[in-house]
Protein backbone atom coordinates (compact mmCIF):
# COMPACT_ATOMS: atom_id res chain seq x y z
CA MET A 1 -9.62 20.34 -6.11
CA VAL A 2 -13.23 19.97 -6.42
CA ILE A 3 -15.80 19.97 -3.45
CA ILE A 4 -19.10 17.84 -4.05
CA SER A 5 -21.82 17.06 -2.04
CA PRO A 6 -22.75 13.29 -1.20
CA SER A 7 -25.67 13.20 -3.71
CA GLU A 8 -23.26 14.58 -6.50
CA LEU A 9 -21.06 11.72 -5.73
CA ARG A 10 -23.82 9.02 -5.97
CA GLY A 11 -25.04 10.66 -9.04
CA ASN A 12 -21.83 10.41 -10.65
CA LEU A 13 -19.70 8.04 -8.99
CA LYS A 14 -17.43 6.99 -12.12
CA LYS A 15 -16.94 10.36 -13.06
CA TYR A 16 -15.35 11.42 -9.59
CA LEU A 17 -13.34 7.91 -9.09
CA ASP A 18 -11.92 8.96 -12.57
CA LEU A 19 -11.38 12.50 -11.48
CA ALA A 20 -9.73 11.49 -8.13
CA GLU A 21 -6.99 9.61 -10.12
CA LYS A 22 -6.06 13.23 -11.49
CA GLU A 23 -6.78 15.80 -8.48
CA ARG A 24 -8.33 16.24 -5.03
CA VAL A 25 -11.90 15.28 -4.55
CA ILE A 26 -13.54 16.43 -1.34
CA ILE A 27 -17.12 15.17 -0.38
CA GLN A 28 -18.43 17.86 2.01
CA ARG A 29 -21.42 16.33 4.37
CA GLY A 30 -23.01 19.14 6.19
CA LYS A 31 -21.31 22.12 7.30
CA SER A 32 -18.36 20.67 9.34
CA GLU A 33 -17.60 17.01 7.72
CA MET A 34 -15.43 16.39 4.90
CA PHE A 35 -13.88 13.64 3.35
CA GLU A 36 -11.32 13.31 0.62
CA LEU A 37 -11.56 10.71 -2.33
CA THR A 38 -8.34 9.37 -2.94
CA LYS A 39 -7.22 6.12 -5.32
CA LYS A 40 -4.75 3.63 -3.53
CA ASP A 41 -2.81 0.85 -5.06
CA ARG A 42 -3.51 -1.21 -2.44
CA ILE A 43 -4.95 -1.06 1.21
CA SER A 44 -2.94 -2.12 4.16
CA GLU A 45 -2.96 -1.57 7.92
CA ASP A 46 0.41 -3.21 8.13
CA ASP A 47 3.20 -0.27 8.66
CA TYR A 48 5.95 -3.02 7.93
CA PHE A 49 4.60 -3.65 4.39
CA ASP A 50 3.43 -0.26 3.73
CA ASN A 51 7.49 0.98 3.83
CA PRO A 52 8.74 1.19 0.42
CA GLU A 53 12.27 0.48 1.91
CA ASN A 54 11.18 -2.95 3.48
CA LEU A 55 9.59 -4.01 0.19
CA LYS A 56 12.66 -3.19 -1.51
CA ILE A 57 14.58 -5.45 0.85
CA ILE A 58 11.97 -8.36 0.58
CA GLU A 59 12.12 -7.86 -3.29
CA GLU A 60 16.18 -8.16 -3.23
CA GLY A 61 15.86 -11.01 -0.99
CA ILE A 62 13.40 -13.07 -3.39
CA THR A 63 15.85 -12.26 -6.23
CA ASP A 64 18.80 -13.62 -4.24
CA ILE A 65 16.68 -16.79 -3.75
CA LYS A 66 16.05 -17.16 -7.21
CA LYS A 67 19.59 -16.82 -8.05
CA GLY A 68 20.49 -19.53 -5.75
CA ASN A 69 22.23 -17.01 -3.13
CA PHE A 70 21.03 -18.60 0.17
CA GLN A 71 22.40 -21.04 2.83
CA THR A 72 20.41 -23.95 4.07
CA LEU A 73 20.68 -24.43 7.67
CA ASP A 74 21.47 -27.72 9.32
CA PRO A 75 18.63 -28.63 11.76
CA LYS A 76 20.92 -30.68 13.79
CA LYS A 77 23.05 -27.73 14.60
CA SER A 78 22.45 -24.58 16.53
CA LEU A 79 21.57 -21.22 15.04
CA TRP A 80 25.12 -20.16 15.79
CA GLU A 81 26.85 -23.23 14.78
CA ASN A 82 25.45 -23.00 11.32
CA ILE A 83 26.15 -19.01 10.95
CA LEU A 84 29.82 -19.71 11.90
């Protein structure tokens, strides 16, 4: 873990972005404020799509569709009639 000041971060941004891939980088502003620099593969505020289990299920569904494993519903019938 490395602790740096905001001015150190500004002067060496690339260095600390690269370092954040390997270890914790803490930016300390003043005596009481701290921020952590972290790398994310993607940023989302959607709890459903942030859940790896849900993403796995979606990917399995896409694979099924590509293999032709799906059923087309008849719009003239109710959902229950299509299922049963």
